[in-house]
Amino acid sequence: MTAEVSVFAALLAGLISFLSPCVLPLVPPYLAFLAGSSLERLAEAGPAPVVRRNVLVAALLFVAGFSTIFVALGAGASVIGSMLRFYSMSFRSSPASSSS
């Protein structure tokens, strides 16, 4: 059974889950964490464009690192799966020869 989901449906589902009451309140502390500061310190920081740029760069680097790790884990799992499939005949137990 193949489930075909349009790009629009996937984006809409992601937006709805992001705007949910259990996720949306976590966004400001998350951005402050990425900025390496507290919300109070960000509020009294220098010019807004500099703060925004720092937060954006930190967020992009975080997403790049997170994506790299998950791509590497997926590629590793694919390699292990293909090796298991290639050697699957070796893993099957052959009938034991019994001597009577």
PDB file of N, CA and C in Angstrom:
ATOM      1  N   MET A   1       0.850  -1.166   0.000  1.00  0.00           N
ATOM      2  CA  MET A   1       0.000   0.000   0.000  1.00  0.00           C
ATOM      3  C   MET A   1       0.899   1.234   0.000  1.00  0.00           C
ATOM      4  N   THR A   2       0.702   2.087  -0.946  1.00  0.00           N
ATOM      5  CA  THR A   2       1.498   3.291  -1.077  1.00  0.00           C
ATOM      6  C   THR A   2       0.655   4.494  -0.674  1.00  0.00           C
ATOM      7  N   ALA A   3       1.187   5.297   0.235  1.00  0.00           N
ATOM      8  CA  ALA A   3       0.499   6.518   0.646  1.00  0.00           C
ATOM      9  C   ALA A   3       1.145   7.688  -0.069  1.00  0.00           C
ATOM     10  N   GLU A   4       0.390   8.325  -0.927  1.00  0.00           N
ATOM     11  CA  GLU A   4       0.913   9.474  -1.647  1.00  0.00           C
ATOM     12  C   GLU A   4       0.406  10.735  -0.964  1.00  0.00           C
ATOM     13  N   VAL A   5       1.340  11.538  -0.505  1.00  0.00           N
ATOM     14  CA  VAL A   5       1.017  12.779   0.181  1.00  0.00           C
ATOM     15  C   VAL A   5       1.600  13.922  -0.637  1.00  0.00           C
ATOM     16  N   SER A   6       0.779  14.910  -0.903  1.00  0.00           N
ATOM     17  CA  SER A   6       1.267  16.045  -1.677  1.00  0.00           C
ATOM     18  C   SER A   6       2.178  16.910  -0.816  1.00  0.00           C
ATOM     19  N   VAL A   7       2.992  17.693  -1.467  1.00  0.00           N
ATOM     20  CA  VAL A   7       3.892  18.599  -0.749  1.00  0.00           C
ATOM     21  C   VAL A   7       3.072  19.601   0.059  1.00  0.00           C
ATOM     22  N   PHE A   8       1.980  20.065  -0.500  1.00  0.00           N
ATOM     23  CA  PHE A   8       1.123  21.016   0.209  1.00  0.00           C
ATOM     24  C   PHE A   8       0.562  20.396   1.483  1.00  0.00           C
ATOM     25  N   ALA A   9       0.113  19.149   1.416  1.00  0.00           N
ATOM     26  CA  ALA A   9      -0.429  18.476   2.603  1.00  0.00           C
ATOM     27  C   ALA A   9       0.647  18.297   3.667  1.00  0.00           C
ATOM     28  N   ALA A  10       1.867  17.969   3.257  1.00  0.00           N
ATOM     29  CA  ALA A  10       2.959  17.809   4.217  1.00  0.00           C
ATOM     30  C   ALA A  10       3.310  19.145   4.870  1.00  0.00           C
ATOM     31  N   LEU A  11       3.360  20.222   4.080  1.00  0.00           N
ATOM     32  CA  LEU A  11       3.642  21.544   4.640  1.00  0.00           C
ATOM     33  C   LEU A  11       2.541  21.985   5.593  1.00  0.00           C
ATOM     34  N   LEU A  12       1.295  21.728   5.224  1.00  0.00           N
ATOM     35  CA  LEU A  12       0.170  22.094   6.079  1.00  0.00           C
ATOM     36  C   LEU A  12       0.205  21.322   7.395  1.00  0.00           C
ATOM     37  N   ALA A  13       0.504  20.038   7.339  1.00  0.00           N
ATOM     38  CA  ALA A  13       0.599  19.237   8.561  1.00  0.00           C
ATOM     39  C   ALA A  13       1.744  19.722   9.445  1.00  0.00           C
ATOM     40  N   GLY A  14       2.869  20.074   8.842  1.00  0.00           N
ATOM     41  CA  GLY A  14       3.987  20.602   9.614  1.00  0.00           C
ATOM     42  C   GLY A  14       3.651  21.928  10.263  1.00  0.00           C
ATOM     43  N   LEU A  15       2.953  22.802   9.537  1.00  0.00           N
ATOM     44  CA  LEU A  15       2.548  24.094  10.090  1.00  0.00           C
ATOM     45  C   LEU A  15       1.564  23.918  11.238  1.00  0.00           C
ATOM     46  N   ILE A  16       0.612  23.020  11.077  1.00  0.00           N
ATOM     47  CA  ILE A  16      -0.366  22.773  12.143  1.00  0.00           C
ATOM     48  C   ILE A  16       0.325  22.220  13.387  1.00  0.00           C
ATOM     49  N   SER A  17       1.269  21.298  13.191  1.00  0.00           N
ATOM     50  CA  SER A  17       1.960  20.740  14.358  1.00  0.00           C
ATOM     51  C   SER A  17       2.852  21.794  15.015  1.00  0.00           C
ATOM     52  N   PHE A  18       3.434  22.690  14.226  1.00  0.00           N
ATOM     53  CA  PHE A  18       4.273  23.753  14.787  1.00  0.00           C
ATOM     54  C   PHE A  18       3.434  24.740  15.591  1.00  0.00           C
ATOM     55  N   LEU A  19       2.237  25.038  15.131  1.00  0.00           N
ATOM     56  CA  LEU A  19       1.379  26.010  15.796  1.00  0.00           C
ATOM     57  C   LEU A  19       0.560  25.400  16.927  1.00  0.00           C
ATOM     58  N   SER A  20       0.761  24.134  17.215  1.00  0.00           N
ATOM     59  CA  SER A  20      -0.005  23.486  18.282  1.00  0.00           C
ATOM     60  C   SER A  20       0.366  24.079  19.633  1.00  0.00           C
ATOM     61  N   PRO A  21      -0.556  24.044  20.585  1.00  0.00           N
ATOM     62  CA  PRO A  21      -0.308  24.658  21.900  1.00  0.00           C
ATOM     63  C   PRO A  21       0.848  24.030  22.679  1.00  0.00           C
ATOM     64  N   CYS A  22       1.238  22.820  22.327  1.00  0.00           N
ATOM     65  CA  CYS A  22       2.330  22.198  23.091  1.00  0.00           C
ATOM     66  C   CYS A  22       3.695  22.494  22.483  1.00  0.00           C
ATOM     67  N   VAL A  23       3.753  23.016  21.253  1.00  0.00           N
ATOM     68  CA  VAL A  23       5.033  23.290  20.604  1.00  0.00           C
ATOM     69  C   VAL A  23       5.323  24.788  20.546  1.00  0.00           C
ATOM     70  N   LEU A  24       4.354  25.596  20.198  1.00  0.00           N
ATOM     71  CA  LEU A  24       4.565  27.024  19.982  1.00  0.00           C
ATOM     72  C   LEU A  24       5.182  27.745  21.187  1.00  0.00           C
ATOM     73  N   PRO A  25       4.801  27.456  22.429  1.00  0.00           N
ATOM     74  CA  PRO A  25       5.441  28.151  23.560  1.00  0.00           C
ATOM     75  C   PRO A  25       6.925  27.823  23.721  1.00  0.00           C
ATOM     76  N   LEU A  26       7.387  26.759  23.107  1.00  0.00           N
ATOM     77  CA  LEU A  26       8.802  26.384  23.224  1.00  0.00           C
ATOM     78  C   LEU A  26       9.700  27.151  22.260  1.00  0.00           C
ATOM     79  N   VAL A  27       9.130  27.855  21.294  1.00  0.00           N
ATOM     80  CA  VAL A  27       9.928  28.525  20.270  1.00  0.00           C
ATOM     81  C   VAL A  27      10.793  29.655  20.842  1.00  0.00           C
ATOM     82  N   PRO A  28      10.268  30.601  21.628  1.00  0.00           N
ATOM     83  CA  PRO A  28      11.153  31.668  22.139  1.00  0.00           C
ATOM     84  C   PRO A  28      12.333  31.161  22.973  1.00  0.00           C
ATOM     85  N   PRO A  29      12.124  30.226  23.928  1.00  0.00           N
ATOM     86  CA  PRO A  29      13.304  29.724  24.657  1.00  0.00           C
ATOM     87  C   PRO A  29      14.281  28.971  23.749  1.00  0.00           C
ATOM     88  N   TYR A  30      13.746  28.284  22.754  1.00  0.00           N
ATOM     89  CA  TYR A  30      14.601  27.566  21.805  1.00  0.00           C
ATOM     90  C   TYR A  30      15.483  28.544  21.027  1.00  0.00           C
ATOM     91  N   LEU A  31      14.890  29.634  20.555  1.00  0.00           N
ATOM     92  CA  LEU A  31      15.670  30.632  19.828  1.00  0.00           C
ATOM     93  C   LEU A  31      16.684  31.306  20.742  1.00  0.00           C
ATOM     94  N   ALA A  32      16.309  31.537  21.999  1.00  0.00           N
ATOM     95  CA  ALA A  32      17.258  32.118  22.951  1.00  0.00           C
ATOM     96  C   ALA A  32      18.406  31.150  23.209  1.00  0.00           C
ATOM     97  N   PHE A  33      18.092  29.865  23.288  1.00  0.00           N
ATOM     98  CA  PHE A  33      19.138  28.852  23.470  1.00  0.00           C
ATOM     99  C   PHE A  33      20.089  28.857  22.276  1.00  0.00           C
ATOM    100  N   LEU A  34      19.523  28.940  21.076  1.00  0.00           N
ATOM    101  CA  LEU A  34      20.365  28.983  19.881  1.00  0.00           C
ATOM    102  C   LEU A  34      21.230  30.235  19.853  1.00  0.00           C
ATOM    103  N   ALA A  35      20.701  31.315  20.377  1.00  0.00           N
ATOM    104  CA  ALA A  35      21.469  32.560  20.404  1.00  0.00           C
ATOM    105  C   ALA A  35      22.520  32.544  21.509  1.00  0.00           C
ATOM    106  N   GLY A  36      22.451  31.543  22.393  1.00  0.00           N
ATOM    107  CA  GLY A  36      23.413  31.462  23.475  1.00  0.00           C
ATOM    108  C   GLY A  36      23.177  32.507  24.535  1.00  0.00           C
ATOM    109  N   SER A  37      21.924  32.826  24.769  1.00  0.00           N
ATOM    110  CA  SER A  37      21.602  33.897  25.694  1.00  0.00           C
ATOM    111  C   SER A  37      20.247  33.630  26.319  1.00  0.00           C
ATOM    112  N   SER A  38      19.824  34.530  27.200  1.00  0.00           N
ATOM    113  CA  SER A  38      18.489  34.460  27.782  1.00  0.00           C
ATOM    114  C   SER A  38      17.587  35.467  27.072  1.00  0.00           C
ATOM    115  N   LEU A  39      16.309  35.346  27.297  1.00  0.00           N
ATOM    116  CA  LEU A  39      15.373  36.284  26.661  1.00  0.00           C
ATOM    117  C   LEU A  39      15.615  37.710  27.150  1.00  0.00           C
ATOM    118  N   GLU A  40      15.943  37.866  28.428  1.00  0.00           N
ATOM    119  CA  GLU A  40      16.189  39.205  28.967  1.00  0.00           C
ATOM    120  C   GLU A  40      17.439  39.823  28.329  1.00  0.00           C
ATOM    121  N   ARG A  41      18.466  39.022  28.189  1.00  0.00           N
ATOM    122  CA  ARG A  41      19.707  39.529  27.604  1.00  0.00           C
ATOM    123  C   ARG A  41      19.513  39.887  26.131  1.00  0.00           C
ATOM    124  N   LEU A  42      18.705  39.075  25.414  1.00  0.00           N
ATOM    125  CA  LEU A  42      18.419  39.399  24.011  1.00  0.00           C
ATOM    126  C   LEU A  42      17.614  40.685  23.900  1.00  0.00           C
ATOM    127  N   ALA A  43      16.714  40.921  24.877  1.00  0.00           N
ATOM    128  CA  ALA A  43      15.886  42.124  24.831  1.00  0.00           C
ATOM    129  C   ALA A  43      16.714  43.385  25.018  1.00  0.00           C
ATOM    130  N   GLU A  44      17.776  43.300  25.824  1.00  0.00           N
ATOM    131  CA  GLU A  44      18.599  44.491  26.046  1.00  0.00           C
ATOM    132  C   GLU A  44      19.869  44.481  25.209  1.00  0.00           C
ATOM    133  N   ALA A  45      19.954  43.567  24.265  1.00  0.00           N
ATOM    134  CA  ALA A  45      21.147  43.476  23.409  1.00  0.00           C
ATOM    135  C   ALA A  45      21.173  44.644  22.428  1.00  0.00           C
ATOM    136  N   GLY A  46      22.229  44.682  21.631  1.00  0.00           N
ATOM    137  CA  GLY A  46      22.451  45.772  20.676  1.00  0.00           C
ATOM    138  C   GLY A  46      21.370  45.863  19.620  1.00  0.00           C
ATOM    139  N   PRO A  47      21.736  46.329  18.463  1.00  0.00           N
ATOM    140  CA  PRO A  47      20.767  46.518  17.385  1.00  0.00           C
ATOM    141  C   PRO A  47      20.076  45.219  17.004  1.00  0.00           C
ATOM    142  N   ALA A  48      18.795  45.336  16.708  1.00  0.00           N
ATOM    143  CA  ALA A  48      17.980  44.159  16.377  1.00  0.00           C
ATOM    144  C   ALA A  48      18.515  43.378  15.178  1.00  0.00           C
ATOM    145  N   PRO A  49      18.992  44.029  14.109  1.00  0.00           N
ATOM    146  CA  PRO A  49      19.493  43.236  12.973  1.00  0.00           C
ATOM    147  C   PRO A  49      20.678  42.341  13.337  1.00  0.00           C
ATOM    148  N   VAL A  50      21.535  42.808  14.240  1.00  0.00           N
ATOM    149  CA  VAL A  50      22.689  41.998  14.641  1.00  0.00           C
ATOM    150  C   VAL A  50      22.222  40.782  15.431  1.00  0.00           C
ATOM    151  N   VAL A  51      21.285  40.996  16.341  1.00  0.00           N
ATOM    152  CA  VAL A  51      20.752  39.895  17.140  1.00  0.00           C
ATOM    153  C   VAL A  51      20.049  38.891  16.239  1.00  0.00           C
ATOM    154  N   ARG A  52      19.227  39.380  15.321  1.00  0.00           N
ATOM    155  CA  ARG A  52      18.523  38.488  14.389  1.00  0.00           C
ATOM    156  C   ARG A  52      19.496  37.681  13.551  1.00  0.00           C
ATOM    157  N   ARG A  53      20.537  38.344  13.073  1.00  0.00           N
ATOM    158  CA  ARG A  53      21.526  37.645  12.241  1.00  0.00           C
ATOM    159  C   ARG A  53      22.223  36.556  13.043  1.00  0.00           C
ATOM    160  N   ASN A  54      22.599  36.866  14.287  1.00  0.00           N
ATOM    161  CA  ASN A  54      23.264  35.866  15.127  1.00  0.00           C
ATOM    162  C   ASN A  54      22.363  34.668  15.398  1.00  0.00           C
ATOM    163  N   VAL A  55      21.104  34.936  15.688  1.00  0.00           N
ATOM    164  CA  VAL A  55      20.156  33.847  15.935  1.00  0.00           C
ATOM    165  C   VAL A  55      19.949  33.039  14.666  1.00  0.00           C
ATOM    166  N   LEU A  56      19.830  33.702  13.526  1.00  0.00           N
ATOM    167  CA  LEU A  56      19.616  32.994  12.264  1.00  0.00           C
ATOM    168  C   LEU A  56      20.812  32.120  11.904  1.00  0.00           C
ATOM    169  N   VAL A  57      22.009  32.644  12.077  1.00  0.00           N
ATOM    170  CA  VAL A  57      23.210  31.854  11.777  1.00  0.00           C
ATOM    171  C   VAL A  57      23.285  30.645  12.702  1.00  0.00           C
ATOM    172  N   ALA A  58      23.015  30.856  14.001  1.00  0.00           N
ATOM    173  CA  ALA A  58      23.040  29.739  14.944  1.00  0.00           C
ATOM    174  C   ALA A  58      21.977  28.701  14.594  1.00  0.00           C
ATOM    175  N   ALA A  59      20.787  29.155  14.207  1.00  0.00           N
ATOM    176  CA  ALA A  59      19.718  28.222  13.843  1.00  0.00           C
ATOM    177  C   ALA A  59      20.083  27.437  12.578  1.00  0.00           C
ATOM    178  N   LEU A  60      20.636  28.112  11.583  1.00  0.00           N
ATOM    179  CA  LEU A  60      21.019  27.416  10.354  1.00  0.00           C
ATOM    180  C   LEU A  60      22.129  26.397  10.599  1.00  0.00           C
ATOM    181  N   LEU A  61      23.087  26.755  11.432  1.00  0.00           N
ATOM    182  CA  LEU A  61      24.151  25.805  11.767  1.00  0.00           C
ATOM    183  C   LEU A  61      23.600  24.614  12.555  1.00  0.00           C
ATOM    184  N   PHE A  62      22.658  24.875  13.453  1.00  0.00           N
ATOM    185  CA  PHE A  62      22.040  23.794  14.206  1.00  0.00           C
ATOM    186  C   PHE A  62      21.292  22.850  13.270  1.00  0.00           C
ATOM    187  N   VAL A  63      20.506  23.401  12.367  1.00  0.00           N
ATOM    188  CA  VAL A  63      19.749  22.575  11.424  1.00  0.00           C
ATOM    189  C   VAL A  63      20.690  21.804  10.504  1.00  0.00           C
ATOM    190  N   ALA A  64      21.769  22.428  10.063  1.00  0.00           N
ATOM    191  CA  ALA A  64      22.738  21.738   9.208  1.00  0.00           C
ATOM    192  C   ALA A  64      23.386  20.576   9.957  1.00  0.00           C
ATOM    193  N   GLY A  65      23.770  20.797  11.203  1.00  0.00           N
ATOM    194  CA  GLY A  65      24.369  19.723  11.985  1.00  0.00           C
ATOM    195  C   GLY A  65      23.385  18.608  12.279  1.00  0.00           C
ATOM    196  N   PHE A  66      22.169  18.975  12.651  1.00  0.00           N
ATOM    197  CA  PHE A  66      21.122  18.001  12.932  1.00  0.00           C
ATOM    198  C   PHE A  66      20.817  17.176  11.687  1.00  0.00           C
ATOM    199  N   SER A  67      20.710  17.841  10.546  1.00  0.00           N
ATOM    200  CA  SER A  67      20.431  17.140   9.283  1.00  0.00           C
ATOM    201  C   SER A  67      21.580  16.215   8.907  1.00  0.00           C
ATOM    202  N   THR A  68      22.803  16.673   9.096  1.00  0.00           N
ATOM    203  CA  THR A  68      23.966  15.845   8.775  1.00  0.00           C
ATOM    204  C   THR A  68      23.967  14.562   9.589  1.00  0.00           C
ATOM    205  N   ILE A  69      23.670  14.678  10.875  1.00  0.00           N
ATOM    206  CA  ILE A  69      23.641  13.494  11.739  1.00  0.00           C
ATOM    207  C   ILE A  69      22.560  12.522  11.279  1.00  0.00           C
ATOM    208  N   PHE A  70      21.371  13.016  10.986  1.00  0.00           N
ATOM    209  CA  PHE A  70      20.297  12.116  10.585  1.00  0.00           C
ATOM    210  C   PHE A  70      20.535  11.519   9.205  1.00  0.00           C
ATOM    211  N   VAL A  71      21.139  12.256   8.299  1.00  0.00           N
ATOM    212  CA  VAL A  71      21.485  11.689   6.992  1.00  0.00           C
ATOM    213  C   VAL A  71      22.541  10.604   7.162  1.00  0.00           C
ATOM    214  N   ALA A  72      23.525  10.849   8.013  1.00  0.00           N
ATOM    215  CA  ALA A  72      24.568   9.847   8.262  1.00  0.00           C
ATOM    216  C   ALA A  72      23.975   8.601   8.909  1.00  0.00           C
ATOM    217  N   LEU A  73      23.065   8.779   9.862  1.00  0.00           N
ATOM    218  CA  LEU A  73      22.420   7.623  10.484  1.00  0.00           C
ATOM    219  C   LEU A  73      21.586   6.844   9.473  1.00  0.00           C
ATOM    220  N   GLY A  74      20.868   7.544   8.612  1.00  0.00           N
ATOM    221  CA  GLY A  74      20.077   6.874   7.582  1.00  0.00           C
ATOM    222  C   GLY A  74      20.948   6.134   6.584  1.00  0.00           C
ATOM    223  N   ALA A  75      22.048   6.755   6.172  1.00  0.00           N
ATOM    224  CA  ALA A  75      22.965   6.098   5.237  1.00  0.00           C
ATOM    225  C   ALA A  75      23.599   4.873   5.883  1.00  0.00           C
ATOM    226  N   GLY A  76      23.972   4.986   7.147  1.00  0.00           N
ATOM    227  CA  GLY A  76      24.545   3.842   7.856  1.00  0.00           C
ATOM    228  C   GLY A  76      23.556   2.695   7.965  1.00  0.00           C
ATOM    229  N   ALA A  77      22.303   3.005   8.276  1.00  0.00           N
ATOM    230  CA  ALA A  77      21.276   1.971   8.353  1.00  0.00           C
ATOM    231  C   ALA A  77      21.050   1.328   6.988  1.00  0.00           C
ATOM    232  N   SER A  78      21.125   2.110   5.924  1.00  0.00           N
ATOM    233  CA  SER A  78      20.968   1.557   4.577  1.00  0.00           C
ATOM    234  C   SER A  78      22.107   0.607   4.241  1.00  0.00           C
ATOM    235  N   VAL A  79      23.315   0.986   4.611  1.00  0.00           N
ATOM    236  CA  VAL A  79      24.477   0.114   4.350  1.00  0.00           C
ATOM    237  C   VAL A  79      24.343  -1.187   5.128  1.00  0.00           C
ATOM    238  N   ILE A  80      23.967  -1.087   6.393  1.00  0.00           N
ATOM    239  CA  ILE A  80      23.802  -2.299   7.195  1.00  0.00           C
ATOM    240  C   ILE A  80      22.685  -3.169   6.625  1.00  0.00           C
ATOM    241  N   GLY A  81      21.589  -2.551   6.221  1.00  0.00           N
ATOM    242  CA  GLY A  81      20.483  -3.306   5.627  1.00  0.00           C
ATOM    243  C   GLY A  81      20.875  -3.998   4.337  1.00  0.00           C
ATOM    244  N   SER A  82      21.634  -3.300   3.489  1.00  0.00           N
ATOM    245  CA  SER A  82      22.048  -3.931   2.233  1.00  0.00           C
ATOM    246  C   SER A  82      23.049  -5.061   2.485  1.00  0.00           C
ATOM    247  N   MET A  83      23.897  -4.897   3.487  1.00  0.00           N
ATOM    248  CA  MET A  83      24.824  -5.982   3.831  1.00  0.00           C
ATOM    249  C   MET A  83      24.059  -7.191   4.376  1.00  0.00           C
ATOM    250  N   LEU A  84      23.068  -6.954   5.214  1.00  0.00           N
ATOM    251  CA  LEU A  84      22.265  -8.061   5.729  1.00  0.00           C
ATOM    252  C   LEU A  84      21.522  -8.775   4.598  1.00  0.00           C
ATOM    253  N   ARG A  85      21.011  -8.002   3.644  1.00  0.00           N
ATOM    254  CA  ARG A  85      20.316  -8.615   2.522  1.00  0.00           C
ATOM    255  C   ARG A  85      21.285  -9.430   1.665  1.00  0.00           C
ATOM    256  N   PHE A  86      22.486  -8.900   1.442  1.00  0.00           N
ATOM    257  CA  PHE A  86      23.476  -9.593   0.614  1.00  0.00           C
ATOM    258  C   PHE A  86      23.901 -10.911   1.260  1.00  0.00           C
ATOM    259  N   TYR A  87      24.095 -10.882   2.569  1.00  0.00           N
ATOM    260  CA  TYR A  87      24.550 -12.081   3.274  1.00  0.00           C
ATOM    261  C   TYR A  87      23.409 -12.859   3.927  1.00  0.00           C
ATOM    262  N   SER A  88      22.181 -12.621   3.514  1.00  0.00           N
ATOM    263  CA  SER A  88      21.045 -13.271   4.159  1.00  0.00           C
ATOM    264  C   SER A  88      21.092 -14.790   4.020  1.00  0.00           C
ATOM    265  N   MET A  89      21.635 -15.286   2.939  1.00  0.00           N
ATOM    266  CA  MET A  89      21.731 -16.742   2.777  1.00  0.00           C
ATOM    267  C   MET A  89      22.678 -17.328   3.822  1.00  0.00           C
ATOM    268  N   SER A  90      23.693 -16.604   4.216  1.00  0.00           N
ATOM    269  CA  SER A  90      24.631 -17.089   5.224  1.00  0.00           C
ATOM    270  C   SER A  90      23.989 -17.130   6.608  1.00  0.00           C
ATOM    271  N   PHE A  91      22.980 -16.292   6.835  1.00  0.00           N
ATOM    272  CA  PHE A  91      22.348 -16.236   8.143  1.00  0.00           C
ATOM    273  C   PHE A  91      21.282 -17.311   8.330  1.00  0.00           C
ATOM    274  N   ARG A  92      20.772 -17.823   7.222  1.00  0.00           N
ATOM    275  CA  ARG A  92      19.740 -18.864   7.328  1.00  0.00           C
ATOM    276  C   ARG A  92      20.378 -20.146   7.827  1.00  0.00           C
ATOM    277  N   SER A  93      19.661 -20.796   8.688  1.00  0.00           N
ATOM    278  CA  SER A  93      20.227 -22.021   9.235  1.00  0.00           C
ATOM    279  C   SER A  93      20.006 -23.166   8.252  1.00  0.00           C
ATOM    280  N   SER A  94      21.022 -23.913   8.042  1.00  0.00           N
ATOM    281  CA  SER A  94      20.921 -25.076   7.167  1.00  0.00           C
ATOM    282  C   SER A  94      20.507 -26.261   8.011  1.00  0.00           C
ATOM    283  N   PRO A  95      19.862 -27.222   7.385  1.00  0.00           N
ATOM    284  CA  PRO A  95      19.404 -28.394   8.168  1.00  0.00           C
ATOM    285  C   PRO A  95      20.625 -29.101   8.766  1.00  0.00           C
ATOM    286  N   ALA A  96      20.534 -29.357  10.015  1.00  0.00           N
ATOM    287  CA  ALA A  96      21.639 -30.016  10.717  1.00  0.00           C
ATOM    288  C   ALA A  96      21.675 -31.494  10.334  1.00  0.00           C
ATOM    289  N   SER A  97      22.839 -31.945  10.049  1.00  0.00           N
ATOM    290  CA  SER A  97      22.963 -33.361   9.710  1.00  0.00           C
ATOM    291  C   SER A  97      23.156 -34.134  11.000  1.00  0.00           C
ATOM    292  N   SER A  98      22.236 -35.025  11.223  1.00  0.00           N
ATOM    293  CA  SER A  98      22.309 -35.802  12.455  1.00  0.00           C
ATOM    294  C   SER A  98      22.885 -37.177  12.132  1.00  0.00           C
ATOM    295  N   SER A  99      23.759 -37.622  12.943  1.00  0.00           N
ATOM    296  CA  SER A  99      24.342 -38.946  12.738  1.00  0.00           C
ATOM    297  C   SER A  99      23.708 -39.903  13.722  1.00  0.00           C
ATOM    298  N   SER A 100      23.134 -40.995  13.189  1.00  0.00           N
ATOM    299  CA  SER A 100      22.529 -41.963  14.075  1.00  0.00           C
ATOM    300  C   SER A 100      23.143 -43.323  13.899  1.00  0.00           C
TER     301      SER A 100
END
